[in-house]
């Protein structure tokens, strides 16, 4: 009986603790929210040595980690990219006669991209570009 009396408090404590249910709700954060918007773009072509200025828009795609870059390369094409925190990856893709691939980063409203574009219809050589874009 003495053993049971000492076990009863531990048993009650176990029942009380097991009956507690904590539901932790973590806020859902979407890395893409920071990069979505309109940009002023400065693009330097390492291949041709020229500088181009244009506007670009970034929107969310239907996939959880993808974005669309509209008017990419000032060619009125839309390419998709993946976002992982501050890293942007443009996987190899062919869009309206352009081969595109590259990567970049986003930090405090500034998007920096390095990519390759090749116009496959005209058979031009690959254009390697360094681009800085500022969120408006």
Protein backbone atom coordinates (compact mmCIF):
# COMPACT_ATOMS: atom_id res chain seq x y z
CA UNK A 1 0.00 0.00 0.00
CA UNK A 2 2.88 2.37 0.72
CA UNK A 3 4.23 1.84 -2.80
CA UNK A 4 0.81 2.66 -4.31
CA UNK A 5 0.56 5.87 -2.28
CA UNK A 6 3.88 7.08 -3.66
CA UNK A 7 2.97 6.08 -7.23
CA UNK A 8 -0.42 7.83 -7.23
CA UNK A 9 1.05 11.38 -7.42
CA UNK A 10 3.31 10.34 -10.33
CA UNK A 11 0.37 8.69 -12.09
CA UNK A 12 -1.79 11.82 -11.62
CA UNK A 13 1.04 14.02 -12.88
CA UNK A 14 1.42 11.81 -15.98
CA UNK A 15 -2.33 11.99 -16.66
CA UNK A 16 -2.38 15.78 -16.26
CA UNK A 17 0.65 16.31 -18.50
CA UNK A 18 -0.58 13.94 -21.18
CA UNK A 19 -3.95 15.68 -21.30
CA UNK A 20 -2.35 19.04 -22.15
CA UNK A 21 -2.38 19.77 -25.86
CA UNK A 22 -0.43 22.69 -27.22
CA UNK A 23 -1.19 23.74 -30.76
CA UNK A 24 1.61 25.97 -31.99
CA UNK A 25 0.56 27.87 -35.09
CA UNK A 26 3.50 29.23 -37.00
CA UNK A 27 2.88 32.10 -39.36
CA UNK A 28 3.23 31.14 -42.99
CA UNK A 29 5.91 33.18 -44.74
CA UNK A 30 6.31 33.27 -48.49
CA UNK A 31 9.82 34.21 -49.68
CA UNK A 32 8.30 35.46 -52.93
CA UNK A 33 6.38 38.29 -51.22
CA UNK A 34 9.57 40.35 -50.91
CA UNK A 35 10.45 40.19 -54.63
CA UNK A 36 7.03 40.70 -56.23
CA UNK A 37 6.57 44.11 -57.87
CA UNK A 38 7.81 46.50 -60.55
CA UNK A 39 11.52 47.06 -61.19
CA UNK A 40 13.77 49.54 -62.95
CA UNK A 41 16.50 47.49 -64.58
CA UNK A 42 20.08 48.24 -65.60
CA UNK A 43 21.49 45.42 -67.72
CA UNK A 44 25.10 45.15 -68.84
CA UNK A 45 26.01 42.75 -71.62
CA UNK A 46 29.47 41.23 -71.07
CA UNK A 47 29.24 39.81 -74.60
CA UNK A 48 28.45 43.02 -76.48
CA UNK A 49 29.69 45.61 -73.98
CA UNK A 50 26.51 47.66 -73.96
CA UNK A 51 24.20 48.93 -71.24
CA UNK A 52 20.39 48.74 -71.46
CA UNK A 53 17.73 50.29 -69.22
CA UNK A 54 14.17 48.96 -69.05
CA UNK A 55 11.28 48.04 -66.74
CA UNK A 56 10.39 44.55 -65.56
CA UNK A 57 7.60 43.11 -63.43
CA UNK A 58 7.83 40.10 -61.11
CA UNK A 59 4.75 38.12 -60.11
CA UNK A 60 4.05 34.87 -58.25
CA UNK A 61 3.40 31.69 -60.18
CA UNK A 62 1.02 28.95 -59.06
CA UNK A 63 3.88 26.95 -57.53
CA UNK A 64 4.95 27.73 -53.97
CA UNK A 65 8.55 28.67 -54.80
CA UNK A 66 8.28 30.11 -58.32
CA UNK A 67 8.03 33.60 -59.75
CA UNK A 68 7.57 35.02 -63.24
CA UNK A 69 9.86 37.72 -64.63
CA UNK A 70 7.87 39.70 -67.22
CA UNK A 71 9.68 41.67 -69.97
CA UNK A 72 12.85 39.77 -69.14
CA UNK A 73 15.90 40.86 -71.17
CA UNK A 74 13.74 43.74 -72.49
CA UNK A 75 12.51 41.20 -75.06
CA UNK A 76 8.88 41.10 -73.91
CA UNK A 77 9.29 37.48 -72.77
CA UNK A 78 8.23 35.91 -69.47
CA UNK A 79 10.60 33.48 -67.79
CA UNK A 80 10.11 31.61 -64.55
CA UNK A 81 12.53 31.39 -61.65
CA UNK A 82 12.70 29.70 -58.26
CA UNK A 83 13.06 31.60 -55.00
CA UNK A 84 14.82 30.17 -51.95
CA UNK A 85 15.01 32.89 -49.29
CA UNK A 86 17.30 35.45 -50.98
CA UNK A 87 18.52 33.23 -53.84
CA UNK A 88 16.93 33.36 -57.28
CA UNK A 89 17.52 30.54 -59.77
CA UNK A 90 16.49 30.77 -63.41
CA UNK A 91 16.56 27.17 -64.63
CA UNK A 92 17.38 26.43 -68.27
CA UNK A 93 14.32 27.14 -70.41
CA UNK A 94 13.43 28.06 -73.97
CA UNK A 95 10.90 30.90 -74.24
CA UNK A 96 9.73 32.39 -77.54
CA UNK A 97 12.99 31.51 -79.29
CA UNK A 98 15.34 32.47 -76.44
CA UNK A 99 17.40 30.03 -74.38
CA UNK A 100 17.69 31.40 -70.84
CA UNK A 101 19.38 30.33 -67.59
CA UNK A 102 21.01 32.08 -64.64
CA UNK A 103 20.93 32.98 -60.97
CA UNK A 104 20.95 35.91 -58.59
CA UNK A 105 20.14 37.35 -55.20
CA UNK A 106 17.62 39.71 -53.68
CA UNK A 107 18.57 42.04 -50.83
CA UNK A 108 16.68 45.07 -49.49
CA UNK A 109 14.81 45.90 -52.66
CA UNK A 110 17.73 45.22 -55.00
CA UNK A 111 17.75 42.26 -57.36
CA UNK A 112 21.09 41.21 -58.85
CA UNK A 113 21.04 38.67 -61.67
CA UNK A 114 23.68 36.98 -63.82
CA UNK A 115 22.30 35.06 -66.78
CA UNK A 116 22.82 33.80 -70.28
CA UNK A 117 20.43 34.47 -73.15
CA UNK A 118 20.71 33.05 -76.66
CA UNK A 119 18.43 33.98 -79.56
CA UNK A 120 18.06 30.57 -81.22
CA UNK A 121 15.96 31.87 -84.14
CA UNK A 122 18.67 34.25 -85.33
CA UNK A 123 21.55 31.96 -84.36
CA UNK A 124 23.38 34.66 -82.42
CA UNK A 125 26.00 33.82 -79.83
CA UNK A 126 25.10 33.62 -76.15
CA UNK A 127 24.73 36.98 -74.42
CA UNK A 128 26.08 36.94 -70.85
CA UNK A 129 24.45 39.67 -68.78
CA UNK A 130 24.92 41.24 -65.36
CA UNK A 131 21.76 42.97 -64.21
CA UNK A 132 20.81 45.11 -61.24
CA UNK A 133 17.12 45.87 -60.72
CA UNK A 134 15.56 48.14 -58.11
CA UNK A 135 12.11 47.59 -56.70
CA UNK A 136 9.93 50.66 -57.32
